[in-house]
Amino acid sequence: MSEPFPIRFDLVTFDTPSTEVLAAFWSEVMGLVESEREDGDRWIVLSDKQGIRRLGFQRGAHRPGGTHLDLVCSLDDFDAEHARLLGLRATETRPVRRESYGMIANFVDLDGNAFDLCAYH
């Protein structure tokens, strides 16, 4: 008997003409390490410290989509992480906001992919 859901999540993949630059950016943001590389810089995978594949970067045309990543940190770390992301050349798309659930900052990465930094109460 097959599994109830034979398709499972593997990793988020960014299509980008600049795989190395974007992989380095997200490696610094998330503390991930390069775990796979094919054909020079055609395909790069970043994994966490347990070896679980998290993000992929495939050389190709960048196609902005309607999805984004939500990153989370503690309220105590929010200001420092916000500053660190700006230091890594993320672009803030809206001013930081205090919401009923905590804090949020909206960014895009070096290729224009949207992501948020959230801190919850």
N, C-alpha and C. Protein backbone atom coordinates (compact mmCIF):
# COMPACT_ATOMS: atom_id res chain seq x y z
N MET A 1 0.85 -1.17 0.00
CA MET A 1 0.00 0.00 0.00
C MET A 1 0.89 1.23 0.00
N SER A 2 0.56 2.19 -0.84
CA SER A 2 1.36 3.41 -0.93
C SER A 2 1.03 4.36 0.21
N GLU A 3 1.92 5.31 0.41
CA GLU A 3 1.72 6.35 1.41
C GLU A 3 0.48 7.17 1.04
N PRO A 4 -0.24 7.74 2.04
CA PRO A 4 -1.43 8.55 1.73
C PRO A 4 -1.11 9.77 0.87
N PHE A 5 0.07 10.35 1.05
CA PHE A 5 0.50 11.49 0.27
C PHE A 5 1.87 11.19 -0.32
N PRO A 6 1.92 10.60 -1.49
CA PRO A 6 3.22 10.20 -2.05
C PRO A 6 4.11 11.39 -2.42
N ILE A 7 3.52 12.55 -2.64
CA ILE A 7 4.32 13.73 -2.94
C ILE A 7 4.61 14.43 -1.63
N ARG A 8 5.87 14.76 -1.40
CA ARG A 8 6.24 15.45 -0.17
C ARG A 8 7.08 16.67 -0.49
N PHE A 9 7.13 17.58 0.42
CA PHE A 9 7.92 18.79 0.25
C PHE A 9 9.40 18.44 0.28
N ASP A 10 10.19 19.05 -0.61
CA ASP A 10 11.63 18.86 -0.61
C ASP A 10 12.33 20.13 -0.17
N LEU A 11 12.26 21.17 -0.97
CA LEU A 11 12.89 22.43 -0.62
C LEU A 11 12.34 23.54 -1.49
N VAL A 12 12.57 24.76 -1.10
CA VAL A 12 12.19 25.92 -1.89
C VAL A 12 13.32 26.18 -2.87
N THR A 13 12.98 26.36 -4.14
CA THR A 13 14.00 26.61 -5.16
C THR A 13 13.79 27.97 -5.79
N PHE A 14 14.85 28.73 -5.86
CA PHE A 14 14.85 30.03 -6.53
C PHE A 14 15.44 29.85 -7.92
N ASP A 15 14.73 30.30 -8.95
CA ASP A 15 15.29 30.39 -10.30
C ASP A 15 15.96 31.75 -10.39
N THR A 16 17.25 31.76 -10.71
CA THR A 16 18.00 33.02 -10.68
C THR A 16 19.19 32.95 -11.64
N PRO A 17 19.52 34.05 -12.27
CA PRO A 17 20.72 34.08 -13.08
C PRO A 17 21.99 34.17 -12.22
N SER A 18 21.83 34.44 -10.92
CA SER A 18 22.99 34.66 -10.04
C SER A 18 22.95 33.69 -8.86
N THR A 19 23.11 32.39 -9.14
CA THR A 19 22.96 31.37 -8.12
C THR A 19 23.95 31.56 -6.96
N GLU A 20 25.20 31.81 -7.26
CA GLU A 20 26.20 31.92 -6.19
C GLU A 20 25.93 33.11 -5.27
N VAL A 21 25.59 34.24 -5.85
CA VAL A 21 25.34 35.45 -5.06
C VAL A 21 24.12 35.24 -4.17
N LEU A 22 23.05 34.72 -4.74
CA LEU A 22 21.82 34.52 -3.97
C LEU A 22 21.99 33.43 -2.93
N ALA A 23 22.71 32.35 -3.26
CA ALA A 23 22.97 31.29 -2.28
C ALA A 23 23.79 31.83 -1.11
N ALA A 24 24.78 32.66 -1.39
CA ALA A 24 25.59 33.25 -0.32
C ALA A 24 24.74 34.15 0.57
N PHE A 25 23.86 34.93 -0.04
CA PHE A 25 22.96 35.80 0.72
C PHE A 25 22.11 34.98 1.68
N TRP A 26 21.41 33.96 1.17
CA TRP A 26 20.51 33.17 2.00
C TRP A 26 21.27 32.30 2.99
N SER A 27 22.49 31.90 2.68
CA SER A 27 23.31 31.18 3.63
C SER A 27 23.57 32.03 4.87
N GLU A 28 23.89 33.31 4.64
CA GLU A 28 24.13 34.23 5.75
C GLU A 28 22.85 34.54 6.52
N VAL A 29 21.75 34.73 5.81
CA VAL A 29 20.47 35.04 6.46
C VAL A 29 20.04 33.90 7.38
N MET A 30 20.11 32.67 6.88
CA MET A 30 19.55 31.53 7.59
C MET A 30 20.56 30.65 8.32
N GLY A 31 21.86 30.94 8.18
CA GLY A 31 22.87 30.10 8.81
C GLY A 31 22.94 28.71 8.19
N LEU A 32 22.68 28.62 6.90
CA LEU A 32 22.71 27.34 6.18
C LEU A 32 24.07 27.15 5.52
N VAL A 33 24.37 25.91 5.16
CA VAL A 33 25.65 25.60 4.50
C VAL A 33 25.38 24.93 3.16
N GLU A 34 26.30 25.16 2.23
CA GLU A 34 26.19 24.53 0.92
C GLU A 34 26.38 23.03 1.08
N SER A 35 25.42 22.26 0.56
CA SER A 35 25.49 20.81 0.67
C SER A 35 25.54 20.11 -0.68
N GLU A 36 25.17 20.80 -1.74
CA GLU A 36 25.19 20.22 -3.09
C GLU A 36 25.54 21.31 -4.08
N ARG A 37 26.22 20.87 -5.16
CA ARG A 37 26.54 21.79 -6.25
C ARG A 37 26.71 20.94 -7.50
N GLU A 38 26.09 21.38 -8.60
CA GLU A 38 26.22 20.68 -9.88
C GLU A 38 26.58 21.65 -10.99
N ASP A 39 27.38 21.20 -11.91
CA ASP A 39 27.73 21.97 -13.11
C ASP A 39 28.18 23.39 -12.77
N GLY A 40 29.20 23.50 -11.95
CA GLY A 40 29.69 24.82 -11.57
C GLY A 40 28.72 25.50 -10.63
N ASP A 41 27.94 26.42 -11.18
CA ASP A 41 26.96 27.12 -10.34
C ASP A 41 25.54 26.96 -10.86
N ARG A 42 25.30 25.92 -11.68
CA ARG A 42 23.96 25.73 -12.23
C ARG A 42 22.94 25.35 -11.16
N TRP A 43 23.37 24.60 -10.16
CA TRP A 43 22.46 24.13 -9.12
C TRP A 43 23.21 24.11 -7.80
N ILE A 44 22.70 24.84 -6.80
CA ILE A 44 23.30 24.90 -5.47
C ILE A 44 22.20 24.64 -4.45
N VAL A 45 22.50 23.80 -3.46
CA VAL A 45 21.55 23.51 -2.40
C VAL A 45 22.18 23.90 -1.06
N LEU A 46 21.37 24.53 -0.22
CA LEU A 46 21.78 24.86 1.14
C LEU A 46 21.00 23.98 2.11
N SER A 47 21.71 23.47 3.12
CA SER A 47 21.10 22.61 4.13
C SER A 47 21.35 23.17 5.52
N ASP A 48 20.54 22.69 6.47
CA ASP A 48 20.76 23.11 7.85
C ASP A 48 21.84 22.24 8.49
N LYS A 49 22.13 22.48 9.75
CA LYS A 49 23.21 21.76 10.44
C LYS A 49 22.92 20.27 10.59
N GLN A 50 21.66 19.88 10.47
CA GLN A 50 21.30 18.46 10.52
C GLN A 50 21.38 17.80 9.14
N GLY A 51 21.73 18.57 8.13
CA GLY A 51 21.85 18.04 6.77
C GLY A 51 20.55 18.02 6.00
N ILE A 52 19.51 18.66 6.53
CA ILE A 52 18.22 18.70 5.83
C ILE A 52 18.26 19.81 4.79
N ARG A 53 17.96 19.43 3.55
CA ARG A 53 17.94 20.39 2.44
C ARG A 53 16.84 21.40 2.67
N ARG A 54 17.19 22.70 2.56
CA ARG A 54 16.21 23.75 2.82
C ARG A 54 15.96 24.65 1.62
N LEU A 55 17.02 25.13 0.95
CA LEU A 55 16.87 26.06 -0.16
C LEU A 55 17.72 25.61 -1.34
N GLY A 56 17.14 25.74 -2.55
CA GLY A 56 17.86 25.44 -3.78
C GLY A 56 17.93 26.67 -4.67
N PHE A 57 18.99 26.74 -5.46
CA PHE A 57 19.20 27.86 -6.38
C PHE A 57 19.57 27.26 -7.73
N GLN A 58 18.72 27.48 -8.71
CA GLN A 58 18.89 26.91 -10.03
C GLN A 58 19.09 28.03 -11.04
N ARG A 59 20.17 27.92 -11.82
CA ARG A 59 20.43 28.97 -12.81
C ARG A 59 19.31 28.98 -13.83
N GLY A 60 18.75 30.16 -14.04
CA GLY A 60 17.66 30.35 -14.99
C GLY A 60 17.12 31.76 -14.85
N ALA A 61 16.13 32.07 -15.64
CA ALA A 61 15.53 33.40 -15.60
C ALA A 61 14.78 33.58 -14.28
N HIS A 62 14.94 34.74 -13.69
CA HIS A 62 14.23 35.06 -12.46
C HIS A 62 12.77 35.35 -12.78
N ARG A 63 11.87 34.69 -12.06
CA ARG A 63 10.44 34.88 -12.26
C ARG A 63 9.80 35.19 -10.92
N PRO A 64 9.65 36.47 -10.57
CA PRO A 64 9.02 36.77 -9.28
C PRO A 64 7.63 36.15 -9.20
N GLY A 65 7.33 35.59 -8.05
CA GLY A 65 6.05 34.92 -7.89
C GLY A 65 5.23 35.54 -6.78
N GLY A 66 4.14 34.90 -6.49
CA GLY A 66 3.24 35.41 -5.47
C GLY A 66 3.50 34.81 -4.10
N THR A 67 4.65 34.20 -3.90
CA THR A 67 4.95 33.60 -2.61
C THR A 67 6.12 34.33 -1.97
N HIS A 68 6.27 34.12 -0.68
CA HIS A 68 7.42 34.67 0.02
C HIS A 68 7.73 33.77 1.21
N LEU A 69 8.90 33.96 1.77
CA LEU A 69 9.31 33.23 2.96
C LEU A 69 8.99 34.06 4.19
N ASP A 70 8.53 33.41 5.25
CA ASP A 70 8.38 34.05 6.54
C ASP A 70 9.50 33.54 7.44
N LEU A 71 10.31 34.45 7.94
CA LEU A 71 11.37 34.12 8.88
C LEU A 71 10.91 34.60 10.25
N VAL A 72 11.31 33.90 11.30
CA VAL A 72 10.87 34.27 12.64
C VAL A 72 12.06 34.35 13.58
N CYS A 73 11.98 35.29 14.50
CA CYS A 73 12.97 35.42 15.56
C CYS A 73 12.24 35.91 16.81
N SER A 74 12.95 35.97 17.93
CA SER A 74 12.32 36.45 19.16
C SER A 74 12.19 37.97 19.09
N LEU A 75 11.30 38.50 19.89
CA LEU A 75 11.15 39.95 19.98
C LEU A 75 12.46 40.60 20.43
N ASP A 76 13.18 39.93 21.33
CA ASP A 76 14.46 40.46 21.82
C ASP A 76 15.50 40.57 20.71
N ASP A 77 15.43 39.68 19.71
CA ASP A 77 16.41 39.65 18.62
C ASP A 77 15.98 40.44 17.40
N PHE A 78 14.74 40.91 17.39
CA PHE A 78 14.18 41.50 16.18
C PHE A 78 15.02 42.66 15.64
N ASP A 79 15.37 43.63 16.45
CA ASP A 79 16.12 44.80 15.98
C ASP A 79 17.47 44.41 15.40
N ALA A 80 18.17 43.51 16.08
CA ALA A 80 19.48 43.08 15.61
C ALA A 80 19.37 42.30 14.30
N GLU A 81 18.36 41.44 14.20
CA GLU A 81 18.18 40.67 12.96
C GLU A 81 17.75 41.58 11.81
N HIS A 82 16.92 42.54 12.11
CA HIS A 82 16.50 43.52 11.10
C HIS A 82 17.74 44.24 10.55
N ALA A 83 18.59 44.71 11.45
CA ALA A 83 19.82 45.40 11.03
C ALA A 83 20.75 44.47 10.26
N ARG A 84 20.84 43.21 10.69
CA ARG A 84 21.72 42.24 10.00
C ARG A 84 21.25 42.01 8.57
N LEU A 85 19.93 41.89 8.37
CA LEU A 85 19.40 41.68 7.03
C LEU A 85 19.69 42.89 6.14
N LEU A 86 19.53 44.08 6.67
CA LEU A 86 19.87 45.28 5.89
C LEU A 86 21.36 45.28 5.56
N GLY A 87 22.21 44.85 6.50
CA GLY A 87 23.64 44.77 6.27
C GLY A 87 24.02 43.76 5.20
N LEU A 88 23.17 42.76 5.01
CA LEU A 88 23.39 41.76 3.96
C LEU A 88 22.83 42.21 2.61
N ARG A 89 22.35 43.44 2.56
CA ARG A 89 21.84 44.09 1.35
C ARG A 89 20.42 43.68 0.99
N ALA A 90 19.65 43.17 1.96
CA ALA A 90 18.22 43.01 1.74
C ALA A 90 17.62 44.41 1.65
N THR A 91 16.57 44.55 0.88
CA THR A 91 15.90 45.85 0.72
C THR A 91 14.57 45.81 1.45
N GLU A 92 14.38 46.76 2.34
CA GLU A 92 13.12 46.85 3.07
C GLU A 92 12.08 47.47 2.15
N THR A 93 10.90 46.85 2.06
CA THR A 93 9.86 47.34 1.15
C THR A 93 8.79 48.16 1.86
N ARG A 94 8.71 48.06 3.18
CA ARG A 94 7.78 48.83 3.99
C ARG A 94 8.45 49.10 5.33
N PRO A 95 8.05 50.14 6.00
CA PRO A 95 8.60 50.38 7.35
C PRO A 95 8.23 49.24 8.31
N VAL A 96 9.07 49.00 9.29
CA VAL A 96 8.78 48.02 10.33
C VAL A 96 7.45 48.38 10.98
N ARG A 97 6.66 47.35 11.27
CA ARG A 97 5.36 47.57 11.88
C ARG A 97 5.20 46.76 13.16
N ARG A 98 4.57 47.38 14.12
CA ARG A 98 4.15 46.67 15.34
C ARG A 98 2.71 46.25 15.09
N GLU A 99 2.45 44.95 15.20
CA GLU A 99 1.12 44.41 14.99
C GLU A 99 0.65 43.75 16.28
N SER A 100 -0.59 43.34 16.32
CA SER A 100 -1.14 42.71 17.52
C SER A 100 -0.37 41.45 17.91
N TYR A 101 0.21 40.77 16.94
CA TYR A 101 0.95 39.53 17.20
C TYR A 101 2.43 39.77 17.51
N GLY A 102 2.94 40.98 17.25
CA GLY A 102 4.36 41.25 17.46
C GLY A 102 4.89 42.27 16.47
N MET A 103 6.03 41.97 15.86
CA MET A 103 6.68 42.89 14.92
C MET A 103 6.83 42.20 13.56
N ILE A 104 6.86 43.03 12.50
CA ILE A 104 7.09 42.50 11.16
C ILE A 104 7.86 43.52 10.34
N ALA A 105 8.78 43.01 9.54
CA ALA A 105 9.50 43.81 8.55
C ALA A 105 9.41 43.07 7.22
N ASN A 106 9.14 43.80 6.16
CA ASN A 106 9.02 43.22 4.82
C ASN A 106 10.24 43.57 4.00
N PHE A 107 10.80 42.57 3.34
CA PHE A 107 12.03 42.73 2.56
C PHE A 107 11.90 42.07 1.19
N VAL A 108 12.86 42.38 0.32
CA VAL A 108 13.15 41.57 -0.86
C VAL A 108 14.64 41.27 -0.83
N ASP A 109 15.01 40.10 -1.38
CA ASP A 109 16.41 39.73 -1.45
C ASP A 109 17.07 40.37 -2.67
N LEU A 110 18.25 39.95 -3.00
CA LEU A 110 19.03 40.56 -4.08
C LEU A 110 18.41 40.37 -5.46
N ASP A 111 17.51 39.38 -5.59
CA ASP A 111 16.83 39.13 -6.87
C ASP A 111 15.40 39.65 -6.87
N GLY A 112 14.96 40.24 -5.77
CA GLY A 112 13.59 40.75 -5.70
C GLY A 112 12.59 39.78 -5.12
N ASN A 113 13.05 38.66 -4.55
CA ASN A 113 12.15 37.70 -3.90
C ASN A 113 11.74 38.24 -2.54
N ALA A 114 10.44 38.25 -2.28
CA ALA A 114 9.91 38.80 -1.03
C ALA A 114 10.11 37.85 0.13
N PHE A 115 10.40 38.43 1.31
CA PHE A 115 10.41 37.66 2.55
C PHE A 115 10.13 38.61 3.71
N ASP A 116 9.62 38.04 4.79
CA ASP A 116 9.27 38.83 5.97
C ASP A 116 10.09 38.34 7.16
N LEU A 117 10.41 39.26 8.05
CA LEU A 117 10.98 38.94 9.34
C LEU A 117 9.89 39.21 10.37
N CYS A 118 9.52 38.18 11.13
CA CYS A 118 8.44 38.28 12.11
C CYS A 118 8.96 37.95 13.49
N ALA A 119 8.40 38.59 14.49
CA ALA A 119 8.66 38.27 15.90
C ALA A 119 7.32 38.27 16.61
N TYR A 120 7.02 37.17 17.27
CA TYR A 120 5.70 36.99 17.90
C TYR A 120 5.81 37.12 19.41
N HIS A 121 4.71 37.60 20.03
CA HIS A 121 4.62 37.68 21.50
C HIS A 121 4.59 36.28 22.05
